[in-house]
Amino acid sequence: MTVIVRHDSLVGETQDKDWWMGLVLHCNGGARDPAIFTLFQIADVDTGVVRWVNADLVTHVLPKGLNGSRGSAA
């Protein structure tokens, strides 16, 4: 799954971008309801950096047919 993430600068990082696109590697459920994902492990498609991201920072989920995956879009 490919997502657009609102950029939340880490300590020591320059604030040179507003958003970034990443590939979701893992979804982690919350303590109250494990079926609702609250954290995502996402790899930045530009830099390859892997980060844990709070679900509140994910602004868009790209449809299956637009993220380069194989097969027909359903």
Protein backbone atom coordinates (compact mmCIF):
# COMPACT_ATOMS: atom_id res chain seq x y z
CA MET A 1 0.00 0.00 0.00
CA THR A 2 1.37 3.41 -0.94
CA VAL A 3 0.55 6.44 1.20
CA ILE A 4 1.16 10.18 1.39
CA VAL A 5 2.43 11.29 4.79
CA ARG A 6 2.45 14.78 6.29
CA HIS A 7 6.10 15.52 7.06
CA ASP A 8 6.85 15.75 10.77
CA SER A 9 10.48 16.83 11.08
CA LEU A 10 12.72 14.87 13.40
CA VAL A 11 15.25 16.57 15.65
CA GLY A 12 18.17 17.78 13.54
CA GLU A 13 16.31 17.47 10.21
CA THR A 14 15.82 20.42 7.91
CA GLN A 15 12.23 21.48 7.34
CA ASP A 16 12.44 21.48 3.55
CA LYS A 17 9.31 19.53 2.63
CA ASP A 18 5.64 19.36 3.59
CA TRP A 19 4.90 15.73 2.67
CA TRP A 20 6.49 12.53 1.46
CA MET A 21 5.34 9.32 -0.22
CA GLY A 22 6.04 5.92 1.24
CA LEU A 23 5.38 2.22 0.99
CA VAL A 24 3.74 0.63 4.03
CA LEU A 25 5.80 -2.29 5.34
CA HIS A 26 3.86 -3.11 8.51
CA CYS A 27 0.67 -2.00 10.28
CA ASN A 28 0.39 -2.10 14.06
CA GLY A 29 -2.96 -2.14 15.88
CA GLY A 30 -3.84 -0.13 18.95
CA ALA A 31 -4.08 -1.41 22.52
CA ARG A 32 -7.84 -0.86 22.79
CA ASP A 33 -8.73 -2.35 19.42
CA PRO A 34 -5.99 -4.27 17.56
CA ALA A 35 -8.11 -4.21 14.37
CA ILE A 36 -7.68 -0.43 14.09
CA PHE A 37 -4.19 0.49 12.91
CA THR A 38 -2.55 3.32 14.85
CA LEU A 39 1.09 2.97 13.73
CA PHE A 40 2.57 2.23 10.33
CA GLN A 41 6.12 1.26 9.42
CA ILE A 42 6.72 3.12 6.16
CA ALA A 43 9.68 3.25 3.77
CA ASP A 44 10.20 6.64 2.08
CA VAL A 45 10.21 6.01 -1.70
CA ASP A 46 12.77 8.79 -2.33
CA THR A 47 15.35 8.06 0.38
CA GLY A 48 14.60 4.50 1.50
CA VAL A 49 14.50 5.61 5.13
CA VAL A 50 12.15 3.41 7.19
CA ARG A 51 10.13 5.15 9.92
CA TRP A 52 7.35 4.36 12.35
CA VAL A 53 4.55 6.83 11.61
CA ASN A 54 1.47 7.70 13.67
CA ALA A 55 -1.71 7.07 11.66
CA ASP A 56 -2.74 10.72 12.15
CA LEU A 57 0.10 11.79 9.81
CA VAL A 58 -1.13 9.65 6.89
CA THR A 59 -3.16 12.01 4.71
CA HIS A 60 -3.86 9.90 1.59
CA VAL A 61 -3.89 6.23 0.59
CA LEU A 62 -3.23 5.73 -3.12
CA PRO A 63 -5.64 3.43 -4.96
CA LYS A 64 -4.27 0.02 -5.87
CA GLY A 65 -4.07 0.74 -9.61
CA LEU A 66 -1.97 3.90 -9.12
CA ASN A 67 0.77 2.61 -6.85
CA GLY A 68 2.64 0.46 -9.36
CA SER A 69 1.33 -2.87 -8.09
CA ARG A 70 0.68 -5.64 -10.58
CA GLY A 71 -2.73 -6.92 -11.50
CA SER A 72 -5.98 -5.20 -12.22
CA ALA A 73 -7.34 -2.44 -10.03
CA ALA A 74 -10.32 -3.65 -8.08
